[in-house]
Amino acid sequence: MLANIQVALSTLVVIALAFSVYYSFRYRRAADHRLRGLYSSRMNIAMGTMLVILAISQLFFLHDSVMRRIFGTVCLLLGVFNLFAGIRNHIHFSKRS
């Protein structure tokens, strides 16, 4: 059961990484500032999701160690910040005409 959860979390991390890379390329190629903002915010949301999932797998599903807890906590904080910033920016750039 635990192995299935870890495989599912690993798959979700890879999917979030793929979305992050995809929106990174779209951001760099877009000429319109509104589209650049939207792609950047979507990239932040995907990266935040990836970091939160990685933190969950580090904090709850592997053997305990101090370094693993520190790494998981840092990933969780960075992930929540990226999610918050991405959602806030997506709302901002979605409202712009």
PDB file of N, CA and C in Angstrom:
ATOM      1  N   MET A   1       0.826  -1.199   0.000  1.00  0.00           N
ATOM      2  CA  MET A   1       0.000   0.000   0.000  1.00  0.00           C
ATOM      3  C   MET A   1       0.866   1.257   0.000  1.00  0.00           C
ATOM      4  N   LEU A   2       1.874   1.265   0.876  1.00  0.00           N
ATOM      5  CA  LEU A   2       2.762   2.425   0.966  1.00  0.00           C
ATOM      6  C   LEU A   2       3.556   2.618  -0.322  1.00  0.00           C
ATOM      7  N   ALA A   3       3.958   1.529  -0.936  1.00  0.00           N
ATOM      8  CA  ALA A   3       4.710   1.620  -2.186  1.00  0.00           C
ATOM      9  C   ALA A   3       3.842   2.213  -3.298  1.00  0.00           C
ATOM     10  N   ASN A   4       2.556   1.870  -3.317  1.00  0.00           N
ATOM     11  CA  ASN A   4       1.646   2.417  -4.325  1.00  0.00           C
ATOM     12  C   ASN A   4       1.471   3.922  -4.153  1.00  0.00           C
ATOM     13  N   ILE A   5       1.406   4.365  -2.906  1.00  0.00           N
ATOM     14  CA  ILE A   5       1.272   5.801  -2.646  1.00  0.00           C
ATOM     15  C   ILE A   5       2.526   6.541  -3.096  1.00  0.00           C
ATOM     16  N   GLN A   6       3.689   5.957  -2.821  1.00  0.00           N
ATOM     17  CA  GLN A   6       4.941   6.591  -3.243  1.00  0.00           C
ATOM     18  C   GLN A   6       5.066   6.639  -4.754  1.00  0.00           C
ATOM     19  N   VAL A   7       4.616   5.604  -5.449  1.00  0.00           N
ATOM     20  CA  VAL A   7       4.638   5.611  -6.913  1.00  0.00           C
ATOM     21  C   VAL A   7       3.688   6.680  -7.447  1.00  0.00           C
ATOM     22  N   ALA A   8       2.521   6.800  -6.841  1.00  0.00           N
ATOM     23  CA  ALA A   8       1.557   7.824  -7.271  1.00  0.00           C
ATOM     24  C   ALA A   8       2.115   9.228  -7.030  1.00  0.00           C
ATOM     25  N   LEU A   9       2.744   9.450  -5.879  1.00  0.00           N
ATOM     26  CA  LEU A   9       3.333  10.762  -5.601  1.00  0.00           C
ATOM     27  C   LEU A   9       4.489  11.067  -6.562  1.00  0.00           C
ATOM     28  N   SER A  10       5.287  10.056  -6.865  1.00  0.00           N
ATOM     29  CA  SER A  10       6.384  10.253  -7.816  1.00  0.00           C
ATOM     30  C   SER A  10       5.857  10.596  -9.203  1.00  0.00           C
ATOM     31  N   THR A  11       4.780   9.943  -9.598  1.00  0.00           N
ATOM     32  CA  THR A  11       4.155  10.240 -10.888  1.00  0.00           C
ATOM     33  C   THR A  11       3.616  11.666 -10.907  1.00  0.00           C
ATOM     34  N   LEU A  12       3.001  12.098  -9.817  1.00  0.00           N
ATOM     35  CA  LEU A  12       2.483  13.466  -9.734  1.00  0.00           C
ATOM     36  C   LEU A  12       3.614  14.490  -9.771  1.00  0.00           C
ATOM     37  N   VAL A  13       4.751  14.174  -9.163  1.00  0.00           N
ATOM     38  CA  VAL A  13       5.905  15.082  -9.206  1.00  0.00           C
ATOM     39  C   VAL A  13       6.406  15.223 -10.646  1.00  0.00           C
ATOM     40  N   VAL A  14       6.475  14.116 -11.380  1.00  0.00           N
ATOM     41  CA  VAL A  14       6.936  14.158 -12.771  1.00  0.00           C
ATOM     42  C   VAL A  14       5.951  14.941 -13.641  1.00  0.00           C
ATOM     43  N   ILE A  15       4.666  14.762 -13.412  1.00  0.00           N
ATOM     44  CA  ILE A  15       3.662  15.501 -14.181  1.00  0.00           C
ATOM     45  C   ILE A  15       3.753  16.996 -13.885  1.00  0.00           C
ATOM     46  N   ALA A  16       3.889  17.359 -12.616  1.00  0.00           N
ATOM     47  CA  ALA A  16       4.023  18.774 -12.252  1.00  0.00           C
ATOM     48  C   ALA A  16       5.309  19.361 -12.826  1.00  0.00           C
ATOM     49  N   LEU A  17       6.382  18.582 -12.841  1.00  0.00           N
ATOM     50  CA  LEU A  17       7.635  19.033 -13.443  1.00  0.00           C
ATOM     51  C   LEU A  17       7.468  19.276 -14.944  1.00  0.00           C
ATOM     52  N   ALA A  18       6.747  18.390 -15.614  1.00  0.00           N
ATOM     53  CA  ALA A  18       6.509  18.557 -17.044  1.00  0.00           C
ATOM     54  C   ALA A  18       5.705  19.834 -17.320  1.00  0.00           C
ATOM     55  N   PHE A  19       4.677  20.089 -16.519  1.00  0.00           N
ATOM     56  CA  PHE A  19       3.908  21.326 -16.686  1.00  0.00           C
ATOM     57  C   PHE A  19       4.770  22.554 -16.414  1.00  0.00           C
ATOM     58  N   SER A  20       5.623  22.471 -15.417  1.00  0.00           N
ATOM     59  CA  SER A  20       6.508  23.594 -15.094  1.00  0.00           C
ATOM     60  C   SER A  20       7.453  23.905 -16.245  1.00  0.00           C
ATOM     61  N   VAL A  21       8.032  22.879 -16.835  1.00  0.00           N
ATOM     62  CA  VAL A  21       8.936  23.077 -17.978  1.00  0.00           C
ATOM     63  C   VAL A  21       8.163  23.596 -19.181  1.00  0.00           C
ATOM     64  N   TYR A  22       6.974  23.051 -19.434  1.00  0.00           N
ATOM     65  CA  TYR A  22       6.145  23.492 -20.553  1.00  0.00           C
ATOM     66  C   TYR A  22       5.809  24.980 -20.441  1.00  0.00           C
ATOM     67  N   TYR A  23       5.346  25.410 -19.265  1.00  0.00           N
ATOM     68  CA  TYR A  23       4.995  26.814 -19.098  1.00  0.00           C
ATOM     69  C   TYR A  23       6.228  27.711 -19.070  1.00  0.00           C
ATOM     70  N   SER A  24       7.367  27.169 -18.691  1.00  0.00           N
ATOM     71  CA  SER A  24       8.606  27.940 -18.739  1.00  0.00           C
ATOM     72  C   SER A  24       8.964  28.270 -20.192  1.00  0.00           C
ATOM     73  N   PHE A  25       8.863  27.269 -21.077  1.00  0.00           N
ATOM     74  CA  PHE A  25       9.130  27.529 -22.486  1.00  0.00           C
ATOM     75  C   PHE A  25       8.110  28.475 -23.095  1.00  0.00           C
ATOM     76  N   ARG A  26       6.829  28.299 -22.732  1.00  0.00           N
ATOM     77  CA  ARG A  26       5.789  29.195 -23.250  1.00  0.00           C
ATOM     78  C   ARG A  26       6.023  30.628 -22.768  1.00  0.00           C
ATOM     79  N   TYR A  27       6.452  30.784 -21.510  1.00  0.00           N
ATOM     80  CA  TYR A  27       6.736  32.108 -20.948  1.00  0.00           C
ATOM     81  C   TYR A  27       7.857  32.784 -21.713  1.00  0.00           C
ATOM     82  N   ARG A  28       8.907  32.060 -22.005  1.00  0.00           N
ATOM     83  CA  ARG A  28      10.068  32.654 -22.674  1.00  0.00           C
ATOM     84  C   ARG A  28       9.790  33.014 -24.126  1.00  0.00           C
ATOM     85  N   ARG A  29       8.856  32.357 -24.764  1.00  0.00           N
ATOM     86  CA  ARG A  29       8.566  32.614 -26.179  1.00  0.00           C
ATOM     87  C   ARG A  29       7.430  33.609 -26.403  1.00  0.00           C
ATOM     88  N   ALA A  30       6.663  33.923 -25.376  1.00  0.00           N
ATOM     89  CA  ALA A  30       5.525  34.830 -25.540  1.00  0.00           C
ATOM     90  C   ALA A  30       6.006  36.273 -25.645  1.00  0.00           C
ATOM     91  N   ALA A  31       5.384  37.021 -26.535  1.00  0.00           N
ATOM     92  CA  ALA A  31       5.744  38.431 -26.714  1.00  0.00           C
ATOM     93  C   ALA A  31       4.816  39.350 -25.915  1.00  0.00           C
ATOM     94  N   ASP A  32       3.566  38.955 -25.772  1.00  0.00           N
ATOM     95  CA  ASP A  32       2.587  39.764 -25.053  1.00  0.00           C
ATOM     96  C   ASP A  32       2.847  39.679 -23.548  1.00  0.00           C
ATOM     97  N   HIS A  33       2.826  40.843 -22.876  1.00  0.00           N
ATOM     98  CA  HIS A  33       3.115  40.881 -21.442  1.00  0.00           C
ATOM     99  C   HIS A  33       2.050  40.165 -20.623  1.00  0.00           C
ATOM    100  N   ARG A  34       0.808  40.224 -21.044  1.00  0.00           N
ATOM    101  CA  ARG A  34      -0.264  39.534 -20.324  1.00  0.00           C
ATOM    102  C   ARG A  34      -0.068  38.024 -20.389  1.00  0.00           C
ATOM    103  N   LEU A  35       0.246  37.520 -21.578  1.00  0.00           N
ATOM    104  CA  LEU A  35       0.493  36.085 -21.721  1.00  0.00           C
ATOM    105  C   LEU A  35       1.731  35.645 -20.940  1.00  0.00           C
ATOM    106  N   ARG A  36       2.760  36.488 -20.947  1.00  0.00           N
ATOM    107  CA  ARG A  36       3.966  36.163 -20.181  1.00  0.00           C
ATOM    108  C   ARG A  36       3.638  36.055 -18.689  1.00  0.00           C
ATOM    109  N   GLY A  37       2.805  36.956 -18.202  1.00  0.00           N
ATOM    110  CA  GLY A  37       2.404  36.904 -16.802  1.00  0.00           C
ATOM    111  C   GLY A  37       1.583  35.662 -16.477  1.00  0.00           C
ATOM    112  N   LEU A  38       0.659  35.305 -17.392  1.00  0.00           N
ATOM    113  CA  LEU A  38      -0.152  34.111 -17.179  1.00  0.00           C
ATOM    114  C   LEU A  38       0.706  32.853 -17.187  1.00  0.00           C
ATOM    115  N   TYR A  39       1.615  32.752 -18.140  1.00  0.00           N
ATOM    116  CA  TYR A  39       2.474  31.569 -18.211  1.00  0.00           C
ATOM    117  C   TYR A  39       3.413  31.492 -17.013  1.00  0.00           C
ATOM    118  N   SER A  40       3.894  32.635 -16.577  1.00  0.00           N
ATOM    119  CA  SER A  40       4.763  32.658 -15.397  1.00  0.00           C
ATOM    120  C   SER A  40       4.006  32.221 -14.149  1.00  0.00           C
ATOM    121  N   SER A  41       2.771  32.686 -14.014  1.00  0.00           N
ATOM    122  CA  SER A  41       1.982  32.296 -12.845  1.00  0.00           C
ATOM    123  C   SER A  41       1.626  30.814 -12.893  1.00  0.00           C
ATOM    124  N   ARG A  42       1.329  30.288 -14.072  1.00  0.00           N
ATOM    125  CA  ARG A  42       1.042  28.861 -14.187  1.00  0.00           C
ATOM    126  C   ARG A  42       2.285  28.024 -13.891  1.00  0.00           C
ATOM    127  N   MET A  43       3.438  28.535 -14.293  1.00  0.00           N
ATOM    128  CA  MET A  43       4.686  27.853 -13.978  1.00  0.00           C
ATOM    129  C   MET A  43       4.899  27.822 -12.460  1.00  0.00           C
ATOM    130  N   ASN A  44       4.608  28.929 -11.780  1.00  0.00           N
ATOM    131  CA  ASN A  44       4.735  28.968 -10.321  1.00  0.00           C
ATOM    132  C   ASN A  44       3.769  28.006  -9.643  1.00  0.00           C
ATOM    133  N   ILE A  45       2.556  27.914 -10.156  1.00  0.00           N
ATOM    134  CA  ILE A  45       1.579  26.985  -9.586  1.00  0.00           C
ATOM    135  C   ILE A  45       2.057  25.547  -9.751  1.00  0.00           C
ATOM    136  N   ALA A  46       2.548  25.205 -10.934  1.00  0.00           N
ATOM    137  CA  ALA A  46       3.042  23.842 -11.169  1.00  0.00           C
ATOM    138  C   ALA A  46       4.261  23.542 -10.302  1.00  0.00           C
ATOM    139  N   MET A  47       5.158  24.513 -10.174  1.00  0.00           N
ATOM    140  CA  MET A  47       6.350  24.310  -9.359  1.00  0.00           C
ATOM    141  C   MET A  47       5.987  24.193  -7.877  1.00  0.00           C
ATOM    142  N   GLY A  48       5.040  25.006  -7.432  1.00  0.00           N
ATOM    143  CA  GLY A  48       4.588  24.921  -6.051  1.00  0.00           C
ATOM    144  C   GLY A  48       3.937  23.584  -5.753  1.00  0.00           C
ATOM    145  N   THR A  49       3.128  23.100  -6.680  1.00  0.00           N
ATOM    146  CA  THR A  49       2.503  21.795  -6.521  1.00  0.00           C
ATOM    147  C   THR A  49       3.561  20.702  -6.436  1.00  0.00           C
ATOM    148  N   MET A  50       4.557  20.786  -7.308  1.00  0.00           N
ATOM    149  CA  MET A  50       5.632  19.800  -7.305  1.00  0.00           C
ATOM    150  C   MET A  50       6.374  19.805  -5.967  1.00  0.00           C
ATOM    151  N   LEU A  51       6.679  20.985  -5.456  1.00  0.00           N
ATOM    152  CA  LEU A  51       7.419  21.075  -4.201  1.00  0.00           C
ATOM    153  C   LEU A  51       6.596  20.586  -3.011  1.00  0.00           C
ATOM    154  N   VAL A  52       5.310  20.873  -2.997  1.00  0.00           N
ATOM    155  CA  VAL A  52       4.454  20.404  -1.909  1.00  0.00           C
ATOM    156  C   VAL A  52       4.352  18.875  -1.926  1.00  0.00           C
ATOM    157  N   ILE A  53       4.185  18.291  -3.104  1.00  0.00           N
ATOM    158  CA  ILE A  53       4.110  16.829  -3.207  1.00  0.00           C
ATOM    159  C   ILE A  53       5.434  16.199  -2.790  1.00  0.00           C
ATOM    160  N   LEU A  54       6.531  16.804  -3.208  1.00  0.00           N
ATOM    161  CA  LEU A  54       7.851  16.305  -2.812  1.00  0.00           C
ATOM    162  C   LEU A  54       8.028  16.387  -1.298  1.00  0.00           C
ATOM    163  N   ALA A  55       7.569  17.480  -0.708  1.00  0.00           N
ATOM    164  CA  ALA A  55       7.670  17.639   0.740  1.00  0.00           C
ATOM    165  C   ALA A  55       6.819  16.607   1.466  1.00  0.00           C
ATOM    166  N   ILE A  56       5.629  16.337   0.964  1.00  0.00           N
ATOM    167  CA  ILE A  56       4.774  15.322   1.588  1.00  0.00           C
ATOM    168  C   ILE A  56       5.452  13.964   1.562  1.00  0.00           C
ATOM    169  N   SER A  57       6.055  13.620   0.431  1.00  0.00           N
ATOM    170  CA  SER A  57       6.727  12.327   0.360  1.00  0.00           C
ATOM    171  C   SER A  57       7.945  12.275   1.275  1.00  0.00           C
ATOM    172  N   GLN A  58       8.646  13.378   1.436  1.00  0.00           N
ATOM    173  CA  GLN A  58       9.816  13.404   2.312  1.00  0.00           C
ATOM    174  C   GLN A  58       9.427  13.380   3.788  1.00  0.00           C
ATOM    175  N   LEU A  59       8.371  14.068   4.134  1.00  0.00           N
ATOM    176  CA  LEU A  59       8.011  14.196   5.548  1.00  0.00           C
ATOM    177  C   LEU A  59       7.245  12.992   6.102  1.00  0.00           C
ATOM    178  N   PHE A  60       6.451  12.337   5.271  1.00  0.00           N
ATOM    179  CA  PHE A  60       5.546  11.337   5.812  1.00  0.00           C
ATOM    180  C   PHE A  60       5.823   9.901   5.394  1.00  0.00           C
ATOM    181  N   PHE A  61       6.493   9.675   4.276  1.00  0.00           N
ATOM    182  CA  PHE A  61       6.553   8.315   3.752  1.00  0.00           C
ATOM    183  C   PHE A  61       7.937   7.691   3.727  1.00  0.00           C
ATOM    184  N   LEU A  62       8.935   8.340   4.264  1.00  0.00           N
ATOM    185  CA  LEU A  62      10.275   7.766   4.272  1.00  0.00           C
ATOM    186  C   LEU A  62      10.796   7.705   5.698  1.00  0.00           C
ATOM    187  N   HIS A  63      11.928   7.091   5.880  1.00  0.00           N
ATOM    188  CA  HIS A  63      12.509   6.937   7.215  1.00  0.00           C
ATOM    189  C   HIS A  63      12.847   8.302   7.804  1.00  0.00           C
ATOM    190  N   ASP A  64      12.746   8.384   9.117  1.00  0.00           N
ATOM    191  CA  ASP A  64      13.026   9.637   9.812  1.00  0.00           C
ATOM    192  C   ASP A  64      14.505   9.940   9.852  1.00  0.00           C
ATOM    193  N   SER A  65      14.829  11.188   9.567  1.00  0.00           N
ATOM    194  CA  SER A  65      16.165  11.720   9.787  1.00  0.00           C
ATOM    195  C   SER A  65      16.034  13.235   9.860  1.00  0.00           C
ATOM    196  N   VAL A  66      16.958  13.866  10.524  1.00  0.00           N
ATOM    197  CA  VAL A  66      16.890  15.315  10.712  1.00  0.00           C
ATOM    198  C   VAL A  66      17.023  16.041   9.381  1.00  0.00           C
ATOM    199  N   MET A  67      17.948  15.600   8.542  1.00  0.00           N
ATOM    200  CA  MET A  67      18.143  16.261   7.243  1.00  0.00           C
ATOM    201  C   MET A  67      16.906  16.103   6.358  1.00  0.00           C
ATOM    202  N   ARG A  68      16.279  14.942   6.401  1.00  0.00           N
ATOM    203  CA  ARG A  68      15.069  14.719   5.596  1.00  0.00           C
ATOM    204  C   ARG A  68      13.944  15.629   6.067  1.00  0.00           C
ATOM    205  N   ARG A  69      13.804  15.809   7.373  1.00  0.00           N
ATOM    206  CA  ARG A  69      12.776  16.707   7.919  1.00  0.00           C
ATOM    207  C   ARG A  69      13.049  18.156   7.527  1.00  0.00           C
ATOM    208  N   ILE A  70      14.307  18.579   7.594  1.00  0.00           N
ATOM    209  CA  ILE A  70      14.667  19.951   7.212  1.00  0.00           C
ATOM    210  C   ILE A  70      14.399  20.172   5.730  1.00  0.00           C
ATOM    211  N   PHE A  71      14.825  19.214   4.895  1.00  0.00           N
ATOM    212  CA  PHE A  71      14.599  19.325   3.455  1.00  0.00           C
ATOM    213  C   PHE A  71      13.107  19.356   3.129  1.00  0.00           C
ATOM    214  N   GLY A  72      12.326  18.485   3.775  1.00  0.00           N
ATOM    215  CA  GLY A  72      10.889  18.455   3.545  1.00  0.00           C
ATOM    216  C   GLY A  72      10.202  19.744   3.980  1.00  0.00           C
ATOM    217  N   THR A  73      10.652  20.295   5.101  1.00  0.00           N
ATOM    218  CA  THR A  73      10.062  21.551   5.587  1.00  0.00           C
ATOM    219  C   THR A  73      10.388  22.709   4.656  1.00  0.00           C
ATOM    220  N   VAL A  74      11.622  22.777   4.186  1.00  0.00           N
ATOM    221  CA  VAL A  74      12.007  23.841   3.252  1.00  0.00           C
ATOM    222  C   VAL A  74      11.227  23.713   1.948  1.00  0.00           C
ATOM    223  N   CYS A  75      11.100  22.492   1.437  1.00  0.00           N
ATOM    224  CA  CYS A  75      10.317  22.284   0.211  1.00  0.00           C
ATOM    225  C   CYS A  75       8.849  22.662   0.420  1.00  0.00           C
ATOM    226  N   LEU A  76       8.308  22.329   1.581  1.00  0.00           N
ATOM    227  CA  LEU A  76       6.915  22.672   1.866  1.00  0.00           C
ATOM    228  C   LEU A  76       6.717  24.185   1.908  1.00  0.00           C
ATOM    229  N   LEU A  77       7.612  24.890   2.567  1.00  0.00           N
ATOM    230  CA  LEU A  77       7.497  26.350   2.644  1.00  0.00           C
ATOM    231  C   LEU A  77       7.645  27.002   1.274  1.00  0.00           C
ATOM    232  N   LEU A  78       8.626  26.560   0.499  1.00  0.00           N
ATOM    233  CA  LEU A  78       8.807  27.107  -0.847  1.00  0.00           C
ATOM    234  C   LEU A  78       7.619  26.775  -1.744  1.00  0.00           C
ATOM    235  N   GLY A  79       7.098  25.573  -1.612  1.00  0.00           N
ATOM    236  CA  GLY A  79       5.955  25.166  -2.424  1.00  0.00           C
ATOM    237  C   GLY A  79       4.700  25.964  -2.115  1.00  0.00           C
ATOM    238  N   VAL A  80       4.425  26.172  -0.838  1.00  0.00           N
ATOM    239  CA  VAL A  80       3.245  26.960  -0.454  1.00  0.00           C
ATOM    240  C   VAL A  80       3.400  28.400  -0.915  1.00  0.00           C
ATOM    241  N   PHE A  81       4.617  28.951  -0.794  1.00  0.00           N
ATOM    242  CA  PHE A  81       4.847  30.315  -1.272  1.00  0.00           C
ATOM    243  C   PHE A  81       4.653  30.408  -2.783  1.00  0.00           C
ATOM    244  N   ASN A  82       5.186  29.440  -3.546  1.00  0.00           N
ATOM    245  CA  ASN A  82       5.008  29.450  -4.999  1.00  0.00           C
ATOM    246  C   ASN A  82       3.540  29.296  -5.380  1.00  0.00           C
ATOM    247  N   LEU A  83       2.824  28.429  -4.693  1.00  0.00           N
ATOM    248  CA  LEU A  83       1.396  28.279  -4.971  1.00  0.00           C
ATOM    249  C   LEU A  83       0.644  29.583  -4.718  1.00  0.00           C
ATOM    250  N   PHE A  84       0.901  30.211  -3.578  1.00  0.00           N
ATOM    251  CA  PHE A  84       0.225  31.450  -3.237  1.00  0.00           C
ATOM    252  C   PHE A  84       0.546  32.539  -4.258  1.00  0.00           C
ATOM    253  N   ALA A  85       1.823  32.707  -4.585  1.00  0.00           N
ATOM    254  CA  ALA A  85       2.230  33.743  -5.540  1.00  0.00           C
ATOM    255  C   ALA A  85       1.676  33.454  -6.929  1.00  0.00           C
ATOM    256  N   GLY A  86       1.681  32.184  -7.338  1.00  0.00           N
ATOM    257  CA  GLY A  86       1.158  31.833  -8.662  1.00  0.00           C
ATOM    258  C   GLY A  86      -0.331  32.080  -8.781  1.00  0.00           C
ATOM    259  N   ILE A  87      -1.090  31.709  -7.755  1.00  0.00           N
ATOM    260  CA  ILE A  87      -2.540  31.938  -7.789  1.00  0.00           C
ATOM    261  C   ILE A  87      -2.844  33.432  -7.774  1.00  0.00           C
ATOM    262  N   ARG A  88      -2.138  34.175  -6.934  1.00  0.00           N
ATOM    263  CA  ARG A  88      -2.345  35.625  -6.864  1.00  0.00           C
ATOM    264  C   ARG A  88      -2.030  36.290  -8.206  1.00  0.00           C
ATOM    265  N   ASN A  89      -0.914  35.916  -8.816  1.00  0.00           N
ATOM    266  CA  ASN A  89      -0.542  36.502 -10.103  1.00  0.00           C
ATOM    267  C   ASN A  89      -1.475  36.057 -11.223  1.00  0.00           C
ATOM    268  N   HIS A  90      -1.950  34.828 -11.158  1.00  0.00           N
ATOM    269  CA  HIS A  90      -2.872  34.358 -12.194  1.00  0.00           C
ATOM    270  C   HIS A  90      -4.178  35.144 -12.136  1.00  0.00           C
ATOM    271  N   ILE A  91      -4.674  35.405 -10.936  1.00  0.00           N
ATOM    272  CA  ILE A  91      -5.879  36.222 -10.797  1.00  0.00           C
ATOM    273  C   ILE A  91      -5.624  37.625 -11.333  1.00  0.00           C
ATOM    274  N   HIS A  92      -4.465  38.182 -11.021  1.00  0.00           N
ATOM    275  CA  HIS A  92      -4.137  39.529 -11.467  1.00  0.00           C
ATOM    276  C   HIS A  92      -4.060  39.620 -12.990  1.00  0.00           C
ATOM    277  N   PHE A  93      -3.348  38.688 -13.626  1.00  0.00           N
ATOM    278  CA  PHE A  93      -3.177  38.761 -15.073  1.00  0.00           C
ATOM    279  C   PHE A  93      -4.413  38.290 -15.827  1.00  0.00           C
ATOM    280  N   SER A  94      -5.273  37.508 -15.199  1.00  0.00           N
ATOM    281  CA  SER A  94      -6.520  37.084 -15.860  1.00  0.00           C
ATOM    282  C   SER A  94      -7.490  38.258 -15.968  1.00  0.00           C
ATOM    283  N   LYS A  95      -7.453  39.176 -15.003  1.00  0.00           N
ATOM    284  CA  LYS A  95      -8.368  40.312 -15.015  1.00  0.00           C
ATOM    285  C   LYS A  95      -7.935  41.404 -15.970  1.00  0.00           C
ATOM    286  N   ARG A  96      -6.653  41.431 -16.323  1.00  0.00           N
ATOM    287  CA  ARG A  96      -6.153  42.476 -17.231  1.00  0.00           C
ATOM    288  C   ARG A  96      -6.662  42.230 -18.643  1.00  0.00           C
ATOM    289  N   SER A  97      -6.930  43.298 -19.346  1.00  0.00           N
ATOM    290  CA  SER A  97      -7.425  43.183 -20.721  1.00  0.00           C
ATOM    291  C   SER A  97      -6.313  43.221 -21.719  1.00  0.00           C
TER     292      SER A  97
END
